[in-house]
Amino acid sequence: MNTEKNVIVKMMDLLVDTLAKTLVSLFDGVKDAVDHANPSLFALVATLLPFALPLPVAIMTAHSAETFFSWDPWASNVLGFGLEGLGLLAWVKLVDSVLDHVRSNNQKVANVVFMYGAVAILYEILLLFINVVLARQDGADWRYIVVLTCICLLPALSAMLYGHQRQMVEIQLTRERKEAKEEAERLRQERRQDRKEAAALKMQYAADTDQQELKPRKSFRK
């Protein structure tokens, strides 16, 4: 009876141990998958946000232009979406030029930084005037004004993040292309060296063969 219980206990221990190891392996696999997916997921979000967040602001800007300026819908939409496109380009170019200036410390790059900075600031001022100032003039509450101001700043923040992510991706791709080029050059040098060694061995073999043929053969006659 004790032997039977011991067998059952051993089987249960084996079952529990196998289940525990399976769960640990499963959770480790999920953790590794999440760790490997995080950079790609971050890059995907950083890429999509600058194109998604400006859409509500563009629609709001178009509505403001249509309401306060009595513009036609097509003209208001062109202004709204065109202004957000200008803001995306300005902020991304500003981040690119700032990072280039940090790496190179070149005066010409600094001038580009000032130029894109001025464009980005003018974009923000125009966006705030069209949406916030006109809404305040229309009698909006101060809490509405604060929230509206924060909403108008979201496209700029997402564009800055996208610009930084884009710069990092370009640096990584440049490094990978350089490493691939160096690796191809190394392989080419190795193949060239192998051909030289093979040619040297072939010449050495040919020289040894000629020497063997030039040696006089010993006669077996006494």
N, C-alpha and C. Protein backbone atom coordinates (compact mmCIF):
# COMPACT_ATOMS: atom_id res chain seq x y z
N MET A 1 0.83 -1.21 0.00
CA MET A 1 0.00 0.00 0.00
C MET A 1 0.85 1.25 0.00
N ASN A 2 1.93 1.23 0.79
CA ASN A 2 2.85 2.37 0.82
C ASN A 2 3.53 2.55 -0.52
N THR A 3 3.85 1.40 -1.15
CA THR A 3 4.50 1.47 -2.45
C THR A 3 3.57 2.10 -3.48
N GLU A 4 2.26 1.72 -3.40
CA GLU A 4 1.30 2.28 -4.34
C GLU A 4 1.17 3.79 -4.14
N LYS A 5 1.12 4.23 -2.87
CA LYS A 5 1.04 5.66 -2.60
C LYS A 5 2.28 6.38 -3.09
N ASN A 6 3.43 5.76 -2.89
CA ASN A 6 4.66 6.40 -3.34
C ASN A 6 4.66 6.57 -4.86
N VAL A 7 4.14 5.59 -5.57
CA VAL A 7 4.07 5.70 -7.03
C VAL A 7 3.13 6.83 -7.44
N ILE A 8 1.98 6.93 -6.77
CA ILE A 8 1.03 8.00 -7.09
C ILE A 8 1.62 9.36 -6.78
N VAL A 9 2.30 9.45 -5.63
CA VAL A 9 2.94 10.72 -5.26
C VAL A 9 4.00 11.10 -6.27
N LYS A 10 4.79 10.14 -6.71
CA LYS A 10 5.83 10.41 -7.70
C LYS A 10 5.23 10.87 -9.02
N MET A 11 4.12 10.22 -9.41
CA MET A 11 3.47 10.61 -10.67
C MET A 11 2.91 12.03 -10.56
N MET A 12 2.31 12.35 -9.39
CA MET A 12 1.79 13.71 -9.20
C MET A 12 2.93 14.73 -9.20
N ASP A 13 4.03 14.39 -8.53
CA ASP A 13 5.19 15.30 -8.53
C ASP A 13 5.71 15.53 -9.93
N LEU A 14 5.77 14.43 -10.71
CA LEU A 14 6.24 14.55 -12.08
C LEU A 14 5.29 15.40 -12.91
N LEU A 15 3.98 15.22 -12.71
CA LEU A 15 2.99 15.99 -13.44
C LEU A 15 3.06 17.47 -13.09
N VAL A 16 3.15 17.76 -11.79
CA VAL A 16 3.23 19.15 -11.34
C VAL A 16 4.51 19.81 -11.83
N ASP A 17 5.62 19.06 -11.75
CA ASP A 17 6.90 19.60 -12.21
C ASP A 17 6.88 19.88 -13.71
N THR A 18 6.28 18.96 -14.48
CA THR A 18 6.18 19.16 -15.92
C THR A 18 5.30 20.36 -16.25
N LEU A 19 4.18 20.49 -15.52
CA LEU A 19 3.29 21.64 -15.73
C LEU A 19 3.98 22.95 -15.39
N ALA A 20 4.74 22.94 -14.28
CA ALA A 20 5.45 24.16 -13.87
C ALA A 20 6.50 24.55 -14.91
N LYS A 21 7.26 23.57 -15.39
CA LYS A 21 8.27 23.86 -16.41
C LYS A 21 7.63 24.35 -17.70
N THR A 22 6.46 23.78 -18.04
CA THR A 22 5.76 24.23 -19.26
C THR A 22 5.31 25.68 -19.14
N LEU A 23 4.75 26.03 -17.97
CA LEU A 23 4.31 27.41 -17.76
C LEU A 23 5.49 28.38 -17.77
N VAL A 24 6.60 27.98 -17.12
CA VAL A 24 7.78 28.84 -17.12
C VAL A 24 8.31 29.04 -18.52
N SER A 25 8.36 27.96 -19.31
CA SER A 25 8.83 28.07 -20.69
C SER A 25 7.90 28.94 -21.52
N LEU A 26 6.57 28.81 -21.28
CA LEU A 26 5.60 29.62 -22.01
C LEU A 26 5.76 31.09 -21.68
N PHE A 27 5.86 31.42 -20.38
CA PHE A 27 6.01 32.82 -19.99
C PHE A 27 7.34 33.40 -20.45
N ASP A 28 8.41 32.59 -20.43
CA ASP A 28 9.69 33.06 -20.94
C ASP A 28 9.61 33.35 -22.43
N GLY A 29 8.89 32.49 -23.16
CA GLY A 29 8.72 32.73 -24.59
C GLY A 29 7.93 34.00 -24.86
N VAL A 30 6.86 34.22 -24.08
CA VAL A 30 6.07 35.44 -24.24
C VAL A 30 6.91 36.67 -23.92
N LYS A 31 7.71 36.58 -22.84
CA LYS A 31 8.57 37.70 -22.46
C LYS A 31 9.58 38.01 -23.57
N ASP A 32 10.22 36.96 -24.11
CA ASP A 32 11.18 37.18 -25.19
C ASP A 32 10.50 37.78 -26.42
N ALA A 33 9.29 37.32 -26.72
CA ALA A 33 8.57 37.87 -27.87
C ALA A 33 8.25 39.34 -27.67
N VAL A 34 7.82 39.70 -26.45
CA VAL A 34 7.50 41.10 -26.16
C VAL A 34 8.76 41.95 -26.21
N ASP A 35 9.87 41.42 -25.65
CA ASP A 35 11.13 42.18 -25.66
C ASP A 35 11.61 42.43 -27.09
N HIS A 36 11.47 41.43 -27.96
CA HIS A 36 11.90 41.61 -29.34
C HIS A 36 10.92 42.49 -30.12
N ALA A 37 9.65 42.48 -29.73
CA ALA A 37 8.65 43.25 -30.47
C ALA A 37 8.61 44.71 -30.04
N ASN A 38 9.10 45.02 -28.83
CA ASN A 38 9.01 46.39 -28.33
C ASN A 38 9.66 47.43 -29.24
N PRO A 39 10.90 47.23 -29.71
CA PRO A 39 11.47 48.25 -30.61
C PRO A 39 10.67 48.44 -31.88
N SER A 40 10.21 47.34 -32.46
CA SER A 40 9.42 47.46 -33.69
C SER A 40 8.07 48.13 -33.41
N LEU A 41 7.45 47.77 -32.28
CA LEU A 41 6.17 48.38 -31.93
C LEU A 41 6.35 49.87 -31.65
N PHE A 42 7.42 50.23 -30.96
CA PHE A 42 7.69 51.64 -30.69
C PHE A 42 7.90 52.41 -31.99
N ALA A 43 8.66 51.82 -32.90
CA ALA A 43 8.90 52.48 -34.19
C ALA A 43 7.60 52.62 -34.98
N LEU A 44 6.72 51.61 -34.89
CA LEU A 44 5.44 51.68 -35.61
C LEU A 44 4.56 52.80 -35.04
N VAL A 45 4.49 52.88 -33.71
CA VAL A 45 3.68 53.93 -33.08
C VAL A 45 4.25 55.31 -33.39
N ALA A 46 5.59 55.42 -33.31
CA ALA A 46 6.23 56.71 -33.61
C ALA A 46 6.03 57.12 -35.06
N THR A 47 5.83 56.15 -35.94
CA THR A 47 5.60 56.46 -37.35
C THR A 47 4.14 56.83 -37.64
N LEU A 48 3.21 56.17 -36.95
CA LEU A 48 1.79 56.40 -37.23
C LEU A 48 1.24 57.65 -36.54
N LEU A 49 1.74 57.94 -35.33
CA LEU A 49 1.19 59.06 -34.57
C LEU A 49 1.26 60.40 -35.31
N PRO A 50 2.40 60.75 -35.94
CA PRO A 50 2.45 62.06 -36.60
C PRO A 50 1.46 62.22 -37.74
N PHE A 51 0.95 61.10 -38.26
CA PHE A 51 -0.03 61.18 -39.34
C PHE A 51 -1.47 61.05 -38.83
N ALA A 52 -1.63 60.50 -37.62
CA ALA A 52 -2.97 60.33 -37.05
C ALA A 52 -3.39 61.51 -36.20
N LEU A 53 -2.49 61.99 -35.32
CA LEU A 53 -2.87 63.09 -34.43
C LEU A 53 -3.23 64.39 -35.14
N PRO A 54 -2.55 64.76 -36.23
CA PRO A 54 -2.93 66.03 -36.89
C PRO A 54 -4.30 66.01 -37.55
N LEU A 55 -4.90 64.82 -37.76
CA LEU A 55 -6.18 64.77 -38.48
C LEU A 55 -7.30 65.51 -37.73
N PRO A 56 -7.52 65.23 -36.42
CA PRO A 56 -8.57 66.00 -35.73
C PRO A 56 -8.28 67.50 -35.70
N VAL A 57 -7.00 67.86 -35.53
CA VAL A 57 -6.63 69.28 -35.51
C VAL A 57 -6.88 69.91 -36.87
N ALA A 58 -6.59 69.17 -37.93
CA ALA A 58 -6.83 69.70 -39.28
C ALA A 58 -8.33 69.91 -39.52
N ILE A 59 -9.13 68.96 -39.08
CA ILE A 59 -10.59 69.11 -39.23
C ILE A 59 -11.09 70.29 -38.40
N MET A 60 -10.55 70.45 -37.18
CA MET A 60 -10.93 71.57 -36.33
C MET A 60 -10.52 72.90 -36.96
N THR A 61 -9.32 72.94 -37.52
CA THR A 61 -8.87 74.17 -38.19
C THR A 61 -9.73 74.50 -39.40
N ALA A 62 -10.09 73.47 -40.15
CA ALA A 62 -10.96 73.70 -41.31
C ALA A 62 -12.32 74.22 -40.86
N HIS A 63 -12.85 73.67 -39.77
CA HIS A 63 -14.14 74.13 -39.26
C HIS A 63 -14.05 75.58 -38.77
N SER A 64 -12.94 75.92 -38.10
CA SER A 64 -12.76 77.30 -37.64
C SER A 64 -12.69 78.27 -38.80
N ALA A 65 -11.93 77.89 -39.84
CA ALA A 65 -11.82 78.76 -41.01
C ALA A 65 -13.15 78.93 -41.71
N GLU A 66 -13.91 77.83 -41.77
CA GLU A 66 -15.21 77.91 -42.43
C GLU A 66 -16.20 78.75 -41.61
N THR A 67 -16.08 78.68 -40.26
CA THR A 67 -17.03 79.40 -39.40
C THR A 67 -16.69 80.88 -39.31
N PHE A 68 -15.43 81.19 -39.02
CA PHE A 68 -15.06 82.57 -38.73
C PHE A 68 -14.78 83.38 -40.00
N PHE A 69 -14.26 82.71 -41.03
CA PHE A 69 -13.91 83.44 -42.25
C PHE A 69 -14.94 83.28 -43.36
N SER A 70 -15.95 82.43 -43.11
CA SER A 70 -17.00 82.17 -44.11
C SER A 70 -16.40 81.64 -45.41
N TRP A 71 -15.42 80.77 -45.28
CA TRP A 71 -14.80 80.17 -46.47
C TRP A 71 -15.65 79.00 -46.96
N ASP A 72 -15.43 78.65 -48.21
CA ASP A 72 -16.04 77.44 -48.75
C ASP A 72 -15.40 76.21 -48.11
N PRO A 73 -16.12 75.09 -48.05
CA PRO A 73 -15.55 73.89 -47.40
C PRO A 73 -14.24 73.43 -48.03
N TRP A 74 -14.14 73.50 -49.35
CA TRP A 74 -12.90 73.02 -49.98
C TRP A 74 -11.71 73.89 -49.57
N ALA A 75 -11.90 75.20 -49.48
CA ALA A 75 -10.80 76.09 -49.09
C ALA A 75 -10.43 75.87 -47.61
N SER A 76 -11.43 75.66 -46.77
CA SER A 76 -11.16 75.41 -45.35
C SER A 76 -10.41 74.10 -45.16
N ASN A 77 -10.80 73.08 -45.90
CA ASN A 77 -10.10 71.79 -45.79
C ASN A 77 -8.67 71.88 -46.29
N VAL A 78 -8.46 72.61 -47.37
CA VAL A 78 -7.09 72.79 -47.86
C VAL A 78 -6.24 73.49 -46.81
N LEU A 79 -6.79 74.52 -46.17
CA LEU A 79 -6.05 75.23 -45.13
C LEU A 79 -5.76 74.31 -43.95
N GLY A 80 -6.77 73.58 -43.49
CA GLY A 80 -6.59 72.73 -42.31
C GLY A 80 -5.56 71.64 -42.53
N PHE A 81 -5.73 70.85 -43.59
CA PHE A 81 -4.80 69.74 -43.84
C PHE A 81 -3.45 70.24 -44.34
N GLY A 82 -3.47 71.32 -45.11
CA GLY A 82 -2.19 71.88 -45.56
C GLY A 82 -1.37 72.44 -44.43
N LEU A 83 -2.04 73.08 -43.46
CA LEU A 83 -1.32 73.63 -42.31
C LEU A 83 -0.71 72.52 -41.47
N GLU A 84 -1.43 71.43 -41.28
CA GLU A 84 -0.88 70.31 -40.50
C GLU A 84 0.26 69.62 -41.26
N GLY A 85 0.14 69.54 -42.58
CA GLY A 85 1.26 68.99 -43.34
C GLY A 85 2.50 69.86 -43.24
N LEU A 86 2.29 71.18 -43.28
CA LEU A 86 3.41 72.09 -43.11
C LEU A 86 4.04 71.94 -41.73
N GLY A 87 3.21 71.78 -40.71
CA GLY A 87 3.75 71.60 -39.35
C GLY A 87 4.54 70.31 -39.21
N LEU A 88 4.04 69.23 -39.82
CA LEU A 88 4.77 67.95 -39.76
C LEU A 88 6.15 68.08 -40.41
N LEU A 89 6.19 68.68 -41.60
CA LEU A 89 7.47 68.86 -42.29
C LEU A 89 8.40 69.76 -41.50
N ALA A 90 7.87 70.85 -40.95
CA ALA A 90 8.71 71.81 -40.24
C ALA A 90 9.32 71.19 -38.99
N TRP A 91 8.52 70.48 -38.20
CA TRP A 91 9.05 69.92 -36.96
C TRP A 91 10.01 68.76 -37.22
N VAL A 92 9.71 67.93 -38.22
CA VAL A 92 10.63 66.83 -38.54
C VAL A 92 11.96 67.37 -39.05
N LYS A 93 11.90 68.36 -39.94
CA LYS A 93 13.14 68.96 -40.45
C LYS A 93 13.90 69.68 -39.34
N LEU A 94 13.18 70.28 -38.40
CA LEU A 94 13.84 70.95 -37.28
C LEU A 94 14.59 69.94 -36.42
N VAL A 95 13.97 68.81 -36.12
CA VAL A 95 14.65 67.79 -35.32
C VAL A 95 15.86 67.24 -36.07
N ASP A 96 15.72 67.00 -37.37
CA ASP A 96 16.85 66.52 -38.17
C ASP A 96 18.01 67.51 -38.13
N SER A 97 17.72 68.78 -38.31
CA SER A 97 18.78 69.79 -38.33
C SER A 97 19.41 69.96 -36.96
N VAL A 98 18.62 69.85 -35.88
CA VAL A 98 19.18 69.95 -34.53
C VAL A 98 20.14 68.79 -34.26
N LEU A 99 19.73 67.58 -34.61
CA LEU A 99 20.60 66.42 -34.40
C LEU A 99 21.85 66.51 -35.26
N ASP A 100 21.71 67.00 -36.49
CA ASP A 100 22.90 67.19 -37.33
C ASP A 100 23.83 68.24 -36.75
N HIS A 101 23.26 69.29 -36.19
CA HIS A 101 24.08 70.33 -35.57
C HIS A 101 24.80 69.81 -34.33
N VAL A 102 24.12 68.95 -33.56
CA VAL A 102 24.76 68.37 -32.37
C VAL A 102 25.94 67.50 -32.76
N ARG A 103 25.79 66.75 -33.86
CA ARG A 103 26.87 65.85 -34.27
C ARG A 103 28.01 66.58 -34.98
N SER A 104 27.69 67.61 -35.75
CA SER A 104 28.72 68.26 -36.57
C SER A 104 29.20 69.59 -36.01
N ASN A 105 28.34 70.30 -35.28
CA ASN A 105 28.66 71.63 -34.73
C ASN A 105 29.10 72.57 -35.86
N ASN A 106 28.35 72.53 -36.95
CA ASN A 106 28.65 73.34 -38.13
C ASN A 106 27.75 74.59 -38.13
N GLN A 107 28.32 75.74 -38.48
CA GLN A 107 27.57 76.97 -38.46
C GLN A 107 26.46 76.97 -39.52
N LYS A 108 26.72 76.35 -40.67
CA LYS A 108 25.71 76.28 -41.71
C LYS A 108 24.51 75.47 -41.24
N VAL A 109 24.78 74.39 -40.50
CA VAL A 109 23.69 73.60 -39.95
C VAL A 109 22.91 74.40 -38.91
N ALA A 110 23.62 75.24 -38.13
CA ALA A 110 22.94 76.09 -37.16
C ALA A 110 21.98 77.06 -37.84
N ASN A 111 22.37 77.59 -38.99
CA ASN A 111 21.47 78.47 -39.74
C ASN A 111 20.22 77.73 -40.20
N VAL A 112 20.40 76.47 -40.59
CA VAL A 112 19.24 75.65 -40.98
C VAL A 112 18.33 75.42 -39.78
N VAL A 113 18.93 75.22 -38.60
CA VAL A 113 18.15 75.04 -37.38
C VAL A 113 17.29 76.26 -37.11
N PHE A 114 17.88 77.45 -37.22
CA PHE A 114 17.12 78.68 -36.99
C PHE A 114 15.99 78.84 -38.02
N MET A 115 16.26 78.47 -39.26
CA MET A 115 15.25 78.61 -40.29
C MET A 115 14.05 77.70 -40.02
N TYR A 116 14.31 76.41 -39.79
CA TYR A 116 13.21 75.49 -39.52
C TYR A 116 12.54 75.80 -38.18
N GLY A 117 13.31 76.29 -37.21
CA GLY A 117 12.72 76.69 -35.94
C GLY A 117 11.74 77.84 -36.13
N ALA A 118 12.10 78.81 -36.95
CA ALA A 118 11.20 79.94 -37.21
C ALA A 118 9.93 79.47 -37.92
N VAL A 119 10.09 78.56 -38.88
CA VAL A 119 8.92 78.03 -39.60
C VAL A 119 7.99 77.28 -38.64
N ALA A 120 8.58 76.46 -37.76
CA ALA A 120 7.78 75.69 -36.81
C ALA A 120 7.05 76.61 -35.83
N ILE A 121 7.72 77.65 -35.36
CA ILE A 121 7.07 78.58 -34.42
C ILE A 121 5.94 79.34 -35.11
N LEU A 122 6.16 79.79 -36.33
CA LEU A 122 5.10 80.47 -37.07
C LEU A 122 3.91 79.55 -37.31
N TYR A 123 4.19 78.28 -37.58
CA TYR A 123 3.10 77.31 -37.76
C TYR A 123 2.27 77.21 -36.48
N GLU A 124 2.95 77.09 -35.33
CA GLU A 124 2.22 76.97 -34.06
C GLU A 124 1.42 78.23 -33.76
N ILE A 125 2.01 79.40 -34.01
CA ILE A 125 1.29 80.65 -33.75
C ILE A 125 0.04 80.74 -34.62
N LEU A 126 0.19 80.42 -35.90
CA LEU A 126 -0.96 80.47 -36.80
C LEU A 126 -2.03 79.47 -36.39
N LEU A 127 -1.60 78.27 -35.99
CA LEU A 127 -2.55 77.24 -35.57
C LEU A 127 -3.32 77.68 -34.32
N LEU A 128 -2.61 78.27 -33.35
CA LEU A 128 -3.26 78.72 -32.12
C LEU A 128 -4.19 79.90 -32.39
N PHE A 129 -3.79 80.79 -33.26
CA PHE A 129 -4.65 81.93 -33.57
C PHE A 129 -5.94 81.47 -34.24
N ILE A 130 -5.83 80.55 -35.19
CA ILE A 130 -7.02 80.11 -35.92
C ILE A 130 -7.99 79.37 -35.01
N ASN A 131 -7.46 78.57 -34.09
CA ASN A 131 -8.32 77.74 -33.26
C ASN A 131 -8.59 78.34 -31.87
N VAL A 132 -7.53 78.72 -31.17
CA VAL A 132 -7.68 79.14 -29.77
C VAL A 132 -8.18 80.57 -29.66
N VAL A 133 -7.51 81.49 -30.35
CA VAL A 133 -7.89 82.90 -30.22
C VAL A 133 -9.30 83.14 -30.75
N LEU A 134 -9.61 82.54 -31.89
CA LEU A 134 -10.95 82.72 -32.44
C LEU A 134 -12.01 82.06 -31.57
N ALA A 135 -11.66 80.92 -30.94
CA ALA A 135 -12.60 80.29 -30.03
C ALA A 135 -12.82 81.15 -28.79
N ARG A 136 -11.75 81.78 -28.30
CA ARG A 136 -11.88 82.69 -27.16
C ARG A 136 -12.73 83.90 -27.53
N GLN A 137 -12.54 84.40 -28.73
CA GLN A 137 -13.34 85.53 -29.19
C GLN A 137 -14.81 85.15 -29.31
N ASP A 138 -15.06 83.89 -29.58
CA ASP A 138 -16.44 83.41 -29.71
C ASP A 138 -17.08 83.15 -28.35
N GLY A 139 -16.32 83.37 -27.25
CA GLY A 139 -16.89 83.23 -25.91
C GLY A 139 -16.66 81.89 -25.27
N ALA A 140 -15.63 81.14 -25.69
CA ALA A 140 -15.36 79.84 -25.09
C ALA A 140 -14.83 79.98 -23.68
N ASP A 141 -15.09 78.96 -22.84
CA ASP A 141 -14.62 78.96 -21.46
C ASP A 141 -13.12 78.78 -21.40
N TRP A 142 -12.49 79.25 -20.30
CA TRP A 142 -11.03 79.18 -20.20
C TRP A 142 -10.54 77.75 -20.13
N ARG A 143 -11.33 76.84 -19.52
CA ARG A 143 -10.93 75.43 -19.49
C ARG A 143 -10.94 74.84 -20.89
N TYR A 144 -11.91 75.23 -21.67
CA TYR A 144 -11.94 74.80 -23.07
C TYR A 144 -10.73 75.33 -23.83
N ILE A 145 -10.32 76.55 -23.53
CA ILE A 145 -9.17 77.16 -24.19
C ILE A 145 -7.88 76.42 -23.84
N VAL A 146 -7.73 76.05 -22.55
CA VAL A 146 -6.53 75.33 -22.12
C VAL A 146 -6.44 73.98 -22.81
N VAL A 147 -7.55 73.25 -22.80
CA VAL A 147 -7.56 71.93 -23.44
C VAL A 147 -7.31 72.05 -24.94
N LEU A 148 -7.92 73.05 -25.56
CA LEU A 148 -7.73 73.25 -27.00
C LEU A 148 -6.27 73.59 -27.32
N THR A 149 -5.64 74.37 -26.47
CA THR A 149 -4.22 74.69 -26.67
C THR A 149 -3.36 73.45 -26.60
N CYS A 150 -3.63 72.59 -25.60
CA CYS A 150 -2.86 71.34 -25.47
C CYS A 150 -3.08 70.44 -26.68
N ILE A 151 -4.31 70.39 -27.17
CA ILE A 151 -4.59 69.56 -28.36
C ILE A 151 -3.83 70.08 -29.57
N CYS A 152 -3.73 71.40 -29.69
CA CYS A 152 -3.00 71.97 -30.83
C CYS A 152 -1.51 71.68 -30.77
N LEU A 153 -0.99 71.40 -29.57
CA LEU A 153 0.44 71.11 -29.43
C LEU A 153 0.77 69.64 -29.68
N LEU A 154 -0.23 68.77 -29.66
CA LEU A 154 0.04 67.33 -29.82
C LEU A 154 0.68 66.98 -31.16
N PRO A 155 0.23 67.53 -32.30
CA PRO A 155 0.91 67.19 -33.56
C PRO A 155 2.38 67.56 -33.58
N ALA A 156 2.73 68.68 -32.93
CA ALA A 156 4.14 69.07 -32.89
C ALA A 156 4.96 68.07 -32.08
N LEU A 157 4.43 67.62 -30.95
CA LEU A 157 5.16 66.65 -30.12
C LEU A 157 5.35 65.33 -30.86
N SER A 158 4.29 64.86 -31.52
CA SER A 158 4.41 63.60 -32.26
C SER A 158 5.36 63.74 -33.44
N ALA A 159 5.37 64.91 -34.09
CA ALA A 159 6.29 65.12 -35.21
C ALA A 159 7.74 65.15 -34.74
N MET A 160 7.99 65.74 -33.56
CA MET A 160 9.35 65.74 -33.02
C MET A 160 9.82 64.33 -32.72
N LEU A 161 8.95 63.53 -32.12
CA LEU A 161 9.30 62.14 -31.82
C LEU A 161 9.55 61.36 -33.10
N TYR A 162 8.71 61.60 -34.11
CA TYR A 162 8.90 60.93 -35.40
C TYR A 162 10.21 61.34 -36.06
N GLY A 163 10.55 62.63 -35.96
CA GLY A 163 11.82 63.09 -36.52
C GLY A 163 13.01 62.43 -35.87
N HIS A 164 12.97 62.28 -34.55
CA HIS A 164 14.07 61.62 -33.85
C HIS A 164 14.15 60.15 -34.22
N GLN A 165 12.99 59.47 -34.26
CA GLN A 165 12.97 58.06 -34.64
C GLN A 165 13.47 57.87 -36.07
N ARG A 166 13.07 58.75 -36.96
CA ARG A 166 13.50 58.67 -38.35
C ARG A 166 15.01 58.86 -38.46
N GLN A 167 15.57 59.78 -37.69
CA GLN A 167 17.01 60.01 -37.70
C GLN A 167 17.76 58.78 -37.20
N MET A 168 17.25 58.15 -36.13
CA MET A 168 17.89 56.96 -35.59
C MET A 168 17.84 55.80 -36.59
N VAL A 169 16.72 55.67 -37.30
CA VAL A 169 16.60 54.61 -38.30
C VAL A 169 17.58 54.84 -39.44
N GLU A 170 17.71 56.08 -39.89
CA GLU A 170 18.67 56.38 -40.96
C GLU A 170 20.10 56.09 -40.52
N ILE A 171 20.43 56.42 -39.27
CA ILE A 171 21.78 56.14 -38.76
C ILE A 171 22.01 54.63 -38.72
N GLN A 172 21.00 53.88 -38.27
CA GLN A 172 21.15 52.43 -38.21
C GLN A 172 21.30 51.83 -39.60
N LEU A 173 20.49 52.30 -40.56
CA LEU A 173 20.60 51.78 -41.92
C LEU A 173 21.95 52.12 -42.54
N THR A 174 22.45 53.33 -42.27
CA THR A 174 23.77 53.70 -42.78
C THR A 174 24.86 52.81 -42.19
N ARG A 175 24.75 52.55 -40.89
CA ARG A 175 25.73 51.67 -40.25
C ARG A 175 25.66 50.26 -40.81
N GLU A 176 24.44 49.75 -41.03
CA GLU A 176 24.30 48.41 -41.58
C GLU A 176 24.84 48.33 -43.01
N ARG A 177 24.58 49.38 -43.81
CA ARG A 177 25.14 49.38 -45.17
C ARG A 177 26.65 49.43 -45.14
N LYS A 178 27.22 50.20 -44.21
CA LYS A 178 28.68 50.27 -44.09
C LYS A 178 29.26 48.94 -43.67
N GLU A 179 28.60 48.29 -42.68
CA GLU A 179 29.08 46.98 -42.24
C GLU A 179 28.97 45.95 -43.35
N ALA A 180 27.87 46.00 -44.12
CA ALA A 180 27.72 45.05 -45.24
C ALA A 180 28.78 45.30 -46.31
N LYS A 181 29.09 46.56 -46.56
CA LYS A 181 30.13 46.88 -47.54
C LYS A 181 31.49 46.41 -47.05
N GLU A 182 31.78 46.62 -45.77
CA GLU A 182 33.06 46.16 -45.22
C GLU A 182 33.16 44.64 -45.24
N GLU A 183 32.05 43.97 -44.95
CA GLU A 183 32.04 42.51 -44.98
C GLU A 183 32.25 41.99 -46.41
N ALA A 184 31.60 42.64 -47.38
CA ALA A 184 31.80 42.23 -48.77
C ALA A 184 33.24 42.46 -49.21
N GLU A 185 33.84 43.59 -48.78
CA GLU A 185 35.24 43.86 -49.11
C GLU A 185 36.16 42.84 -48.46
N ARG A 186 35.85 42.45 -47.21
CA ARG A 186 36.67 41.44 -46.53
C ARG A 186 36.61 40.10 -47.25
N LEU A 187 35.40 39.72 -47.67
CA LEU A 187 35.25 38.45 -48.39
C LEU A 187 35.97 38.51 -49.74
N ARG A 188 35.90 39.68 -50.39
CA ARG A 188 36.61 39.82 -51.67
C ARG A 188 38.11 39.70 -51.49
N GLN A 189 38.65 40.30 -50.42
CA GLN A 189 40.07 40.20 -50.13
C GLN A 189 40.46 38.76 -49.81
N GLU A 190 39.60 38.06 -49.07
CA GLU A 190 39.89 36.67 -48.76
C GLU A 190 39.90 35.81 -50.01
N ARG A 191 38.93 36.04 -50.91
CA ARG A 191 38.92 35.27 -52.16
C ARG A 191 40.15 35.58 -53.01
N ARG A 192 40.55 36.86 -53.03
CA ARG A 192 41.75 37.22 -53.77
C ARG A 192 42.98 36.55 -53.18
N GLN A 193 43.05 36.53 -51.83
CA GLN A 193 44.18 35.88 -51.18
C GLN A 193 44.18 34.38 -51.44
N ASP A 194 42.99 33.79 -51.44
CA ASP A 194 42.90 32.35 -51.73
C ASP A 194 43.35 32.06 -53.15
N ARG A 195 42.97 32.93 -54.10
CA ARG A 195 43.41 32.71 -55.48
C ARG A 195 44.92 32.85 -55.60
N LYS A 196 45.49 33.84 -54.88
CA LYS A 196 46.95 33.98 -54.91
C LYS A 196 47.64 32.76 -54.34
N GLU A 197 47.14 32.27 -53.22
CA GLU A 197 47.75 31.09 -52.61
C GLU A 197 47.60 29.87 -53.50
N ALA A 198 46.42 29.75 -54.13
CA ALA A 198 46.22 28.61 -55.03
C ALA A 198 47.17 28.71 -56.23
N ALA A 199 47.35 29.92 -56.77
CA ALA A 199 48.27 30.09 -57.89
C ALA A 199 49.71 29.80 -57.47
N ALA A 200 50.08 30.24 -56.23
CA ALA A 200 51.43 29.97 -55.76
C ALA A 200 51.66 28.48 -55.58
N LEU A 201 50.67 27.79 -55.03
CA LEU A 201 50.79 26.34 -54.87
C LEU A 201 50.89 25.64 -56.22
N LYS A 202 50.12 26.14 -57.19
CA LYS A 202 50.16 25.55 -58.52
C LYS A 202 51.52 25.74 -59.16
N MET A 203 52.09 26.96 -59.00
CA MET A 203 53.42 27.21 -59.56
C MET A 203 54.46 26.38 -58.84
N GLN A 204 54.34 26.25 -57.51
CA GLN A 204 55.28 25.43 -56.77
C GLN A 204 55.20 23.98 -57.20
N TYR A 205 53.99 23.50 -57.42
CA TYR A 205 53.82 22.12 -57.87
C TYR A 205 54.42 21.92 -59.25
N ALA A 206 54.20 22.91 -60.13
CA ALA A 206 54.76 22.80 -61.47
C ALA A 206 56.29 22.81 -61.42
N ALA A 207 56.87 23.67 -60.56
CA ALA A 207 58.34 23.72 -60.43
C ALA A 207 58.87 22.40 -59.90
N ASP A 208 58.21 21.83 -58.90
CA ASP A 208 58.67 20.55 -58.36
C ASP A 208 58.56 19.45 -59.40
N THR A 209 57.53 19.50 -60.22
CA THR A 209 57.36 18.48 -61.26
C THR A 209 58.46 18.60 -62.30
N ASP A 210 58.81 19.85 -62.69
CA ASP A 210 59.89 20.05 -63.67
C ASP A 210 61.22 19.56 -63.11
N GLN A 211 61.47 19.79 -61.83
CA GLN A 211 62.73 19.33 -61.25
C GLN A 211 62.79 17.81 -61.23
N GLN A 212 61.67 17.19 -60.94
CA GLN A 212 61.66 15.73 -60.93
C GLN A 212 61.92 15.18 -62.33
N GLU A 213 61.39 15.87 -63.35
CA GLU A 213 61.60 15.37 -64.71
C GLU A 213 63.03 15.61 -65.17
N LEU A 214 63.70 16.68 -64.66
CA LEU A 214 65.06 16.98 -65.09
C LEU A 214 66.10 16.11 -64.41
N LYS A 215 65.76 15.49 -63.29
CA LYS A 215 66.74 14.65 -62.60
C LYS A 215 67.05 13.42 -63.45
N PRO A 216 68.37 13.03 -63.59
CA PRO A 216 68.69 11.83 -64.37
C PRO A 216 68.24 10.58 -63.65
N ARG A 217 67.70 9.68 -64.43
CA ARG A 217 67.22 8.41 -63.85
C ARG A 217 68.40 7.48 -63.63
N LYS A 218 68.39 6.82 -62.50
CA LYS A 218 69.44 5.87 -62.16
C LYS A 218 69.29 4.63 -63.04
N SER A 219 70.42 4.18 -63.53
CA SER A 219 70.41 2.99 -64.37
C SER A 219 70.52 1.76 -63.50
N PHE A 220 69.83 0.73 -63.88
CA PHE A 220 69.86 -0.54 -63.13
C PHE A 220 70.98 -1.47 -63.64
N ARG A 221 71.65 -1.03 -64.71
CA ARG A 221 72.73 -1.86 -65.23
C ARG A 221 74.00 -1.62 -64.41
N LYS A 222 74.73 -2.62 -64.14
CA LYS A 222 76.01 -2.53 -63.44
C LYS A 222 77.15 -2.31 -64.43
